[in-house]
C-alpha atoms as a PDB file:
ATOM      1  CA  MET A   1       0.250  83.377 -48.051  1.00  0.00           C
ATOM      2  CA  ALA A   2       0.525  80.604 -45.483  1.00  0.00           C
ATOM      3  CA  GLU A   3      -2.770  79.060 -44.401  1.00  0.00           C
ATOM      4  CA  GLY A   4      -1.621  79.304 -40.801  1.00  0.00           C
ATOM      5  CA  MET A   5      -1.585  83.087 -41.067  1.00  0.00           C
ATOM      6  CA  ARG A   6      -5.105  83.083 -42.489  1.00  0.00           C
ATOM      7  CA  ALA A   7      -6.276  80.974 -39.572  1.00  0.00           C
ATOM      8  CA  GLU A   8      -5.041  83.636 -37.161  1.00  0.00           C
ATOM      9  CA  MET A   9      -7.630  86.092 -38.434  1.00  0.00           C
ATOM     10  CA  SER A  10     -10.570  86.313 -36.014  1.00  0.00           C
ATOM     11  CA  ASP A  11     -13.297  88.657 -34.887  1.00  0.00           C
ATOM     12  CA  ASN A  12     -10.436  90.748 -33.496  1.00  0.00           C
ATOM     13  CA  ALA A  13      -9.949  92.096 -37.019  1.00  0.00           C
ATOM     14  CA  ASP A  14     -13.199  94.022 -36.623  1.00  0.00           C
ATOM     15  CA  SER A  15     -11.547  96.035 -33.842  1.00  0.00           C
ATOM     16  CA  TRP A  16      -8.487  96.955 -35.887  1.00  0.00           C
ATOM     17  CA  VAL A  17      -9.640  97.346 -39.495  1.00  0.00           C
ATOM     18  CA  ARG A  18     -12.017  99.982 -40.877  1.00  0.00           C
ATOM     19  CA  ARG A  19     -13.279  99.362 -44.414  1.00  0.00           C
ATOM     20  CA  PHE A  20     -15.151 102.580 -45.073  1.00  0.00           C
ATOM     21  CA  HIS A  21     -15.843 101.672 -48.706  1.00  0.00           C
ATOM     22  CA  PRO A  22     -15.790  97.863 -49.073  1.00  0.00           C
ATOM     23  CA  SER A  23     -14.697  97.019 -52.605  1.00  0.00           C
ATOM     24  CA  PRO A  24     -14.797  93.274 -53.285  1.00  0.00           C
ATOM     25  CA  GLY A  25     -13.776  93.860 -56.897  1.00  0.00           C
ATOM     26  CA  ALA A  26     -10.740  95.976 -56.043  1.00  0.00           C
ATOM     27  CA  ALA A  27      -7.530  95.257 -57.924  1.00  0.00           C
ATOM     28  CA  ALA A  28      -5.374  96.021 -54.857  1.00  0.00           C
ATOM     29  CA  ARG A  29      -5.497  96.973 -51.204  1.00  0.00           C
ATOM     30  CA  LEU A  30      -3.865  99.800 -49.263  1.00  0.00           C
ATOM     31  CA  VAL A  31      -3.382  99.476 -45.496  1.00  0.00           C
ATOM     32  CA  CYS A  32      -3.228 102.928 -43.866  1.00  0.00           C
ATOM     33  CA  LEU A  33      -1.484 103.364 -40.498  1.00  0.00           C
ATOM     34  CA  PRO A  34      -2.201 106.623 -38.608  1.00  0.00           C
ATOM     35  CA  HIS A  35       0.171 109.126 -37.054  1.00  0.00           C
ATOM     36  CA  ALA A  36       0.645 109.659 -33.303  1.00  0.00           C
ATOM     37  CA  GLY A  37      -2.702 110.549 -31.763  1.00  0.00           C
ATOM     38  CA  GLY A  38      -4.413 109.795 -35.064  1.00  0.00           C
ATOM     39  CA  SER A  39      -7.263 107.445 -35.840  1.00  0.00           C
ATOM     40  CA  ALA A  40      -8.651 105.422 -38.718  1.00  0.00           C
ATOM     41  CA  SER A  41     -11.125 108.167 -39.637  1.00  0.00           C
ATOM     42  CA  TYR A  42      -8.219 110.324 -40.860  1.00  0.00           C
ATOM     43  CA  PHE A  43      -8.149 108.069 -43.913  1.00  0.00           C
ATOM     44  CA  PHE A  44     -11.862 108.210 -44.757  1.00  0.00           C
ATOM     45  CA  PRO A  45     -11.248 110.688 -47.630  1.00  0.00           C
ATOM     46  CA  VAL A  46      -8.455 108.440 -48.928  1.00  0.00           C
ATOM     47  CA  SER A  47     -10.781 105.452 -48.947  1.00  0.00           C
ATOM     48  CA  ARG A  48     -13.493 107.405 -50.731  1.00  0.00           C
ATOM     49  CA  ALA A  49     -11.075 108.698 -53.375  1.00  0.00           C
ATOM     50  CA  LEU A  50      -9.437 105.347 -54.177  1.00  0.00           C
ATOM     51  CA  ALA A  51     -12.501 103.084 -54.101  1.00  0.00           C
ATOM     52  CA  PRO A  52     -13.536 100.919 -55.807  1.00  0.00           C
ATOM     53  CA  ARG A  53     -10.288 100.169 -57.677  1.00  0.00           C
ATOM     54  CA  VAL A  54      -8.166 100.190 -54.519  1.00  0.00           C
ATOM     55  CA  GLU A  55      -9.722  99.076 -51.242  1.00  0.00           C
ATOM     56  CA  VAL A  56      -8.413 101.027 -48.253  1.00  0.00           C
ATOM     57  CA  LEU A  57      -8.050  99.297 -44.895  1.00  0.00           C
ATOM     58  CA  ALA A  58      -7.632 102.000 -42.233  1.00  0.00           C
ATOM     59  CA  ILE A  59      -6.172 100.755 -38.959  1.00  0.00           C
ATOM     60  CA  GLN A  60      -7.677 101.792 -35.631  1.00  0.00           C
ATOM     61  CA  TYR A  61      -5.199 101.629 -32.759  1.00  0.00           C
ATOM     62  CA  PRO A  62      -6.430 100.788 -29.241  1.00  0.00           C
ATOM     63  CA  GLY A  63      -7.211 103.690 -26.912  1.00  0.00           C
ATOM     64  CA  ARG A  64      -9.074 106.042 -29.263  1.00  0.00           C
ATOM     65  CA  GLN A  65     -12.560 106.688 -30.610  1.00  0.00           C
ATOM     66  CA  ASP A  66     -14.607 103.481 -30.427  1.00  0.00           C
ATOM     67  CA  ARG A  67     -11.611 101.697 -28.835  1.00  0.00           C
ATOM     68  CA  ARG A  68     -10.975 104.347 -26.168  1.00  0.00           C
ATOM     69  CA  GLN A  69     -11.765 101.908 -23.334  1.00  0.00           C
ATOM     70  CA  GLU A  70      -8.885  99.664 -24.405  1.00  0.00           C
ATOM     71  CA  LYS A  71      -5.343 100.054 -23.142  1.00  0.00           C
ATOM     72  CA  CYS A  72      -2.998 101.857 -25.517  1.00  0.00           C
ATOM     73  CA  LEU A  73       0.029  99.982 -26.819  1.00  0.00           C
ATOM     74  CA  GLU A  74       3.222 101.894 -26.094  1.00  0.00           C
ATOM     75  CA  SER A  75       5.702 100.381 -28.541  1.00  0.00           C
ATOM     76  CA  ILE A  76       5.999 100.027 -32.297  1.00  0.00           C
ATOM     77  CA  GLU A  77       6.935  96.389 -31.861  1.00  0.00           C
ATOM     78  CA  ALA A  78       3.815  95.616 -29.798  1.00  0.00           C
ATOM     79  CA  LEU A  79       1.594  97.245 -32.404  1.00  0.00           C
ATOM     80  CA  ALA A  80       3.303  95.330 -35.221  1.00  0.00           C
ATOM     81  CA  ASP A  81       3.016  92.048 -33.340  1.00  0.00           C
ATOM     82  CA  ALA A  82      -0.695  92.637 -32.802  1.00  0.00           C
ATOM     83  CA  LEU A  83      -1.328  93.566 -36.425  1.00  0.00           C
ATOM     84  CA  VAL A  84       0.576  90.916 -38.363  1.00  0.00           C
ATOM     85  CA  GLY A  85      -2.088  88.237 -38.005  1.00  0.00           C
ATOM     86  CA  ILE A  86      -4.825  90.777 -38.695  1.00  0.00           C
ATOM     87  CA  VAL A  87      -3.310  92.149 -41.898  1.00  0.00           C
ATOM     88  CA  ALA A  88      -1.851  88.982 -43.443  1.00  0.00           C
ATOM     89  CA  PRO A  89      -5.169  87.536 -44.693  1.00  0.00           C
ATOM     90  CA  TYR A  90      -5.797  90.655 -46.781  1.00  0.00           C
ATOM     91  CA  ALA A  91      -2.739  89.878 -48.907  1.00  0.00           C
ATOM     92  CA  ASP A  92      -4.799  87.694 -51.221  1.00  0.00           C
ATOM     93  CA  LYS A  93      -4.669  90.823 -53.410  1.00  0.00           C
ATOM     94  CA  PRO A  94      -1.608  93.043 -53.970  1.00  0.00           C
ATOM     95  CA  LEU A  95      -1.110  94.755 -50.618  1.00  0.00           C
ATOM     96  CA  THR A  96       0.686  98.053 -49.989  1.00  0.00           C
ATOM     97  CA  LEU A  97       1.338  99.551 -46.556  1.00  0.00           C
ATOM     98  CA  PHE A  98       1.111 103.343 -46.105  1.00  0.00           C
ATOM     99  CA  GLY A  99       2.056 104.930 -42.796  1.00  0.00           C
ATOM    100  CA  HIS A 100       2.299 108.563 -41.770  1.00  0.00           C
ATOM    101  CA  SER A 101       4.823 109.561 -39.089  1.00  0.00           C
ATOM    102  CA  LEU A 102       4.451 106.959 -36.306  1.00  0.00           C
ATOM    103  CA  GLY A 103       2.566 104.868 -38.867  1.00  0.00           C
ATOM    104  CA  ALA A 104       5.636 104.792 -41.123  1.00  0.00           C
ATOM    105  CA  SER A 105       7.794 103.157 -38.452  1.00  0.00           C
ATOM    106  CA  LEU A 106       4.955 100.770 -37.706  1.00  0.00           C
ATOM    107  CA  GLY A 107       4.628 100.007 -41.407  1.00  0.00           C
ATOM    108  CA  PHE A 108       8.278  99.019 -41.579  1.00  0.00           C
ATOM    109  CA  GLU A 109       8.076  96.676 -38.595  1.00  0.00           C
ATOM    110  CA  LEU A 110       4.808  95.218 -39.869  1.00  0.00           C
ATOM    111  CA  ALA A 111       6.336  94.684 -43.320  1.00  0.00           C
ATOM    112  CA  LEU A 112       9.270  92.808 -41.777  1.00  0.00           C
ATOM    113  CA  ARG A 113       6.919  90.510 -39.873  1.00  0.00           C
ATOM    114  CA  LEU A 114       4.664  89.882 -42.844  1.00  0.00           C
ATOM    115  CA  GLU A 115       7.597  89.019 -45.092  1.00  0.00           C
ATOM    116  CA  ARG A 116       9.002  86.657 -42.478  1.00  0.00           C
ATOM    117  CA  ALA A 117       5.602  84.939 -42.464  1.00  0.00           C
ATOM    118  CA  GLY A 118       5.786  84.422 -46.214  1.00  0.00           C
ATOM    119  CA  VAL A 119       3.574  87.334 -47.268  1.00  0.00           C
ATOM    120  CA  ARG A 120       4.746  89.078 -50.406  1.00  0.00           C
ATOM    121  CA  LEU A 121       3.996  92.794 -50.180  1.00  0.00           C
ATOM    122  CA  ALA A 122       3.457  95.061 -53.168  1.00  0.00           C
ATOM    123  CA  GLY A 123       5.117  97.969 -51.408  1.00  0.00           C
ATOM    124  CA  LEU A 124       5.758 100.132 -48.364  1.00  0.00           C
ATOM    125  CA  ILE A 125       5.093 103.898 -48.393  1.00  0.00           C
ATOM    126  CA  PRO A 126       6.501 105.721 -45.343  1.00  0.00           C
ATOM    127  CA  SER A 127       5.404 109.359 -45.027  1.00  0.00           C
ATOM    128  CA  ALA A 128       6.831 112.172 -42.882  1.00  0.00           C
ATOM    129  CA  ARG A 129       9.156 109.877 -40.980  1.00  0.00           C
ATOM    130  CA  ARG A 130      12.901 109.552 -40.934  1.00  0.00           C
ATOM    131  CA  ALA A 131      14.332 106.113 -41.679  1.00  0.00           C
ATOM    132  CA  PRO A 132      14.615 103.633 -38.776  1.00  0.00           C
ATOM    133  CA  SER A 133      18.398 104.049 -38.799  1.00  0.00           C
ATOM    134  CA  ALA A 134      18.131 107.855 -38.493  1.00  0.00           C
ATOM    135  CA  VAL A 135      17.700 107.979 -34.718  1.00  0.00           C
ATOM    136  CA  ARG A 136      16.990 111.103 -32.696  1.00  0.00           C
ATOM    137  CA  ASP A 137      16.898 111.412 -28.910  1.00  0.00           C
ATOM    138  CA  GLU A 138      13.370 112.808 -28.470  1.00  0.00           C
ATOM    139  CA  ARG A 139      11.509 112.849 -25.153  1.00  0.00           C
ATOM    140  CA  ASN A 140       8.297 114.732 -25.798  1.00  0.00           C
ATOM    141  CA  HIS A 141       6.313 111.859 -24.321  1.00  0.00           C
ATOM    142  CA  LEU A 142       7.811 112.771 -20.933  1.00  0.00           C
ATOM    143  CA  LEU A 143       6.615 116.392 -21.070  1.00  0.00           C
ATOM    144  CA  PRO A 144       3.795 117.607 -18.830  1.00  0.00           C
ATOM    145  CA  ASP A 145       0.409 117.827 -20.505  1.00  0.00           C
ATOM    146  CA  ASP A 146       0.760 121.471 -21.570  1.00  0.00           C
ATOM    147  CA  GLY A 147       4.151 120.843 -23.150  1.00  0.00           C
ATOM    148  CA  LEU A 148       2.981 117.799 -25.057  1.00  0.00           C
ATOM    149  CA  LEU A 149      -0.091 119.604 -26.365  1.00  0.00           C
ATOM    150  CA  ARG A 150       2.072 122.533 -27.450  1.00  0.00           C
ATOM    151  CA  GLU A 151       4.212 120.102 -29.441  1.00  0.00           C
ATOM    152  CA  ILE A 152       1.136 118.637 -31.145  1.00  0.00           C
ATOM    153  CA  LYS A 153      -0.279 122.027 -32.092  1.00  0.00           C
ATOM    154  CA  GLN A 154       3.043 123.185 -33.533  1.00  0.00           C
ATOM    155  CA  LEU A 155       2.946 120.262 -35.955  1.00  0.00           C
ATOM    156  CA  ASN A 156      -0.540 121.275 -37.179  1.00  0.00           C
ATOM    157  CA  GLY A 157      -2.053 117.815 -36.936  1.00  0.00           C
ATOM    158  CA  THR A 158      -5.644 117.343 -37.999  1.00  0.00           C
ATOM    159  CA  GLU A 159      -6.803 116.800 -34.440  1.00  0.00           C
ATOM    160  CA  SER A 160      -4.967 119.827 -33.003  1.00  0.00           C
ATOM    161  CA  GLN A 161      -7.963 122.128 -33.431  1.00  0.00           C
ATOM    162  CA  LEU A 162      -9.940 119.868 -31.132  1.00  0.00           C
ATOM    163  CA  LEU A 163      -7.495 120.082 -28.244  1.00  0.00           C
ATOM    164  CA  ASP A 164      -9.047 123.252 -26.812  1.00  0.00           C
ATOM    165  CA  ASP A 165     -12.127 121.246 -25.857  1.00  0.00           C
ATOM    166  CA  ASP A 166     -11.541 119.956 -22.309  1.00  0.00           C
ATOM    167  CA  GLU A 167     -13.734 116.889 -22.708  1.00  0.00           C
ATOM    168  CA  ILE A 168     -12.060 115.821 -25.938  1.00  0.00           C
ATOM    169  CA  LEU A 169      -8.660 116.612 -24.448  1.00  0.00           C
ATOM    170  CA  ARG A 170      -9.209 114.188 -21.571  1.00  0.00           C
ATOM    171  CA  MET A 171     -10.196 111.521 -24.077  1.00  0.00           C
ATOM    172  CA  VAL A 172      -7.284 111.859 -26.487  1.00  0.00           C
ATOM    173  CA  LEU A 173      -4.312 112.781 -24.289  1.00  0.00           C
ATOM    174  CA  PRO A 174      -3.549 109.215 -23.108  1.00  0.00           C
ATOM    175  CA  SER A 175      -3.434 107.929 -26.684  1.00  0.00           C
ATOM    176  CA  ILE A 176      -1.278 110.849 -27.808  1.00  0.00           C
ATOM    177  CA  ARG A 177       1.219 110.247 -25.022  1.00  0.00           C
ATOM    178  CA  ALA A 178       1.302 106.483 -25.651  1.00  0.00           C
ATOM    179  CA  ASP A 179       1.857 107.042 -29.378  1.00  0.00           C
ATOM    180  CA  TYR A 180       4.625 109.555 -28.775  1.00  0.00           C
ATOM    181  CA  LYS A 181       6.312 107.103 -26.431  1.00  0.00           C
ATOM    182  CA  ALA A 182       6.094 104.386 -29.092  1.00  0.00           C
ATOM    183  CA  ALA A 183       7.525 106.650 -31.788  1.00  0.00           C
ATOM    184  CA  GLU A 184      10.288 108.214 -29.697  1.00  0.00           C
ATOM    185  CA  THR A 185      11.551 105.043 -28.051  1.00  0.00           C
ATOM    186  CA  TYR A 186      11.521 102.972 -31.257  1.00  0.00           C
ATOM    187  CA  ARG A 187      14.885 101.496 -32.151  1.00  0.00           C
ATOM    188  CA  PRO A 188      15.034  98.732 -34.781  1.00  0.00           C
ATOM    189  CA  ALA A 189      16.304  95.536 -33.217  1.00  0.00           C
ATOM    190  CA  THR A 190      18.264  94.492 -36.302  1.00  0.00           C
ATOM    191  CA  LEU A 191      19.501  95.878 -39.598  1.00  0.00           C
ATOM    192  CA  GLU A 192      17.046  93.627 -41.415  1.00  0.00           C
ATOM    193  CA  GLN A 193      15.679  94.964 -44.710  1.00  0.00           C
ATOM    194  CA  VAL A 194      12.333  94.506 -46.408  1.00  0.00           C
ATOM    195  CA  SER A 195      12.350  93.139 -49.937  1.00  0.00           C
ATOM    196  CA  CYS A 196       9.368  95.112 -51.269  1.00  0.00           C
ATOM    197  CA  PRO A 197       9.666  98.466 -53.076  1.00  0.00           C
ATOM    198  CA  VAL A 198       9.745 101.527 -50.824  1.00  0.00           C
ATOM    199  CA  LEU A 199       8.407 104.957 -51.774  1.00  0.00           C
ATOM    200  CA  ALA A 200       9.264 107.589 -49.142  1.00  0.00           C
ATOM    201  CA  LEU A 201       7.157 110.774 -49.043  1.00  0.00           C
ATOM    202  CA  THR A 202       8.031 113.897 -47.068  1.00  0.00           C
ATOM    203  CA  GLY A 203       7.658 117.634 -46.730  1.00  0.00           C
ATOM    204  CA  ASP A 204      10.669 119.840 -47.351  1.00  0.00           C
ATOM    205  CA  ALA A 205      10.181 121.757 -44.085  1.00  0.00           C
ATOM    206  CA  ASP A 206       9.295 118.938 -41.713  1.00  0.00           C
ATOM    207  CA  PRO A 207      10.909 119.557 -38.299  1.00  0.00           C
ATOM    208  CA  LYS A 208      10.504 115.877 -37.414  1.00  0.00           C
ATOM    209  CA  ALA A 209      12.274 114.478 -40.485  1.00  0.00           C
ATOM    210  CA  THR A 210      14.803 116.168 -42.736  1.00  0.00           C
ATOM    211  CA  VAL A 211      15.015 115.211 -46.396  1.00  0.00           C
ATOM    212  CA  ALA A 212      18.403 113.597 -45.690  1.00  0.00           C
ATOM    213  CA  GLU A 213      16.927 111.511 -42.864  1.00  0.00           C
ATOM    214  CA  VAL A 214      14.054 110.378 -45.068  1.00  0.00           C
ATOM    215  CA  ALA A 215      16.449 109.474 -47.891  1.00  0.00           C
ATOM    216  CA  GLN A 216      18.012 106.873 -45.598  1.00  0.00           C
ATOM    217  CA  TRP A 217      14.950 104.665 -46.144  1.00  0.00           C
ATOM    218  CA  GLU A 218      16.886 103.450 -49.186  1.00  0.00           C
ATOM    219  CA  ASN A 219      19.103 101.463 -46.814  1.00  0.00           C
ATOM    220  CA  HIS A 220      16.121  99.524 -45.456  1.00  0.00           C
ATOM    221  CA  THR A 221      15.003  97.733 -48.593  1.00  0.00           C
ATOM    222  CA  THR A 222      16.567  95.368 -51.098  1.00  0.00           C
ATOM    223  CA  GLY A 223      13.873  96.401 -53.574  1.00  0.00           C
ATOM    224  CA  ARG A 224      13.343  99.537 -55.617  1.00  0.00           C
ATOM    225  CA  PHE A 225      13.545 102.836 -53.709  1.00  0.00           C
ATOM    226  CA  GLU A 226      12.009 106.166 -54.665  1.00  0.00           C
ATOM    227  CA  MET A 227      11.423 109.409 -52.802  1.00  0.00           C
ATOM    228  CA  GLU A 228       9.089 112.345 -53.376  1.00  0.00           C
ATOM    229  CA  VAL A 229       9.591 115.675 -51.606  1.00  0.00           C
ATOM    230  CA  TYR A 230       6.658 118.089 -51.367  1.00  0.00           C
ATOM    231  CA  PRO A 231       6.424 121.630 -50.040  1.00  0.00           C
ATOM    232  CA  GLY A 232       5.284 121.747 -46.436  1.00  0.00           C
ATOM    233  CA  GLY A 233       5.863 120.527 -42.925  1.00  0.00           C
ATOM    234  CA  HIS A 234       4.984 117.411 -40.961  1.00  0.00           C
ATOM    235  CA  PHE A 235       1.431 117.318 -42.293  1.00  0.00           C
ATOM    236  CA  TYR A 236       2.378 118.453 -45.803  1.00  0.00           C
ATOM    237  CA  LEU A 237      -0.168 116.026 -47.290  1.00  0.00           C
ATOM    238  CA  ASN A 238      -3.208 117.819 -45.855  1.00  0.00           C
ATOM    239  CA  ALA A 239      -2.777 120.707 -48.292  1.00  0.00           C
ATOM    240  CA  ILE A 240      -2.059 118.590 -51.379  1.00  0.00           C
ATOM    241  CA  VAL A 241      -4.215 115.511 -50.984  1.00  0.00           C
ATOM    242  CA  PRO A 242      -4.893 115.026 -54.738  1.00  0.00           C
ATOM    243  CA  GLN A 243      -1.186 115.092 -55.607  1.00  0.00           C
ATOM    244  CA  VAL A 244      -0.261 112.659 -52.850  1.00  0.00           C
ATOM    245  CA  LEU A 245      -3.065 110.272 -53.770  1.00  0.00           C
ATOM    246  CA  ALA A 246      -2.023 110.438 -57.422  1.00  0.00           C
ATOM    247  CA  ARG A 247       1.529 109.444 -56.446  1.00  0.00           C
ATOM    248  CA  ILE A 248       0.289 106.596 -54.249  1.00  0.00           C
ATOM    249  CA  THR A 249      -1.967 105.387 -57.055  1.00  0.00           C
ATOM    250  CA  LYS A 250       0.942 105.518 -59.493  1.00  0.00           C
ATOM    251  CA  GLN A 251       2.989 103.384 -57.116  1.00  0.00           C
ATOM    252  CA  ILE A 252       0.215 100.808 -56.758  1.00  0.00           C
ATOM    253  CA  ASP A 253      -0.334 100.759 -60.531  1.00  0.00           C
ATOM    254  CA  SER A 254       3.347 100.071 -61.094  1.00  0.00           C
ATOM    255  CA  THR A 255       3.197  97.030 -58.802  1.00  0.00           C
ATOM    256  CA  LEU A 256       0.075  95.760 -60.569  1.00  0.00           C
ATOM    257  CA  ALA A 257       1.795  96.094 -63.929  1.00  0.00           C
ATOM    258  CA  THR A 258       4.793  94.164 -62.631  1.00  0.00           C
ATOM    259  CA  ALA A 259       2.552  91.391 -61.331  1.00  0.00           C
ATOM    260  CA  GLU A 260       0.794  90.895 -64.687  1.00  0.00           C
END
């Protein structure tokens, strides 16, 4: 990793990165990028399950929870630009990026930027997201509040049960709308590919990403590509956390074995 990238790390990292279970002796690190409207706390159970062998770095986007006073970023590219200097210094150990839904697109753009900066990634794991080249014309971010909330609840996101609380609703709606805008307006600027291995995970009944759309992730890497399809919808992983974590761990272990 270039020393210049390390120098870019500042106190700003404390705003973006949550290390729920710091593990200085970890063999590898996993950066977790939340879904639209999601937050770093979604990955607390992942951090607890994988520590201390794998240290989880959960990313907190602006505009939610303890960062709710900050302005939301409304594009995948802006989020990736902001994160590259934050994440790069953690690549002193094998580093894998995991992103769910919006986080998968962000993971791809972040991986491109990190590799351009000379960072060698152990892998990219996009979940519940069609490949960047599989474009849909979606405009949910333009819906009135009731329509957008209906969309969220239909997907059965972890925060959906909280949306009946008016106070919480007022807090989270701006970040949900900003995230949906980022996800729905994302179009990759180039046909550039990452060089790291890609493992795509998806549910077989996800209305936001068909199995065929997810399979197109193979076209976005020059490295090894694998795909796992599980029963379930957009948040398929909530019902089968142990299986998904076992598959992620297997992927990380395979990169560690290659590096030895």
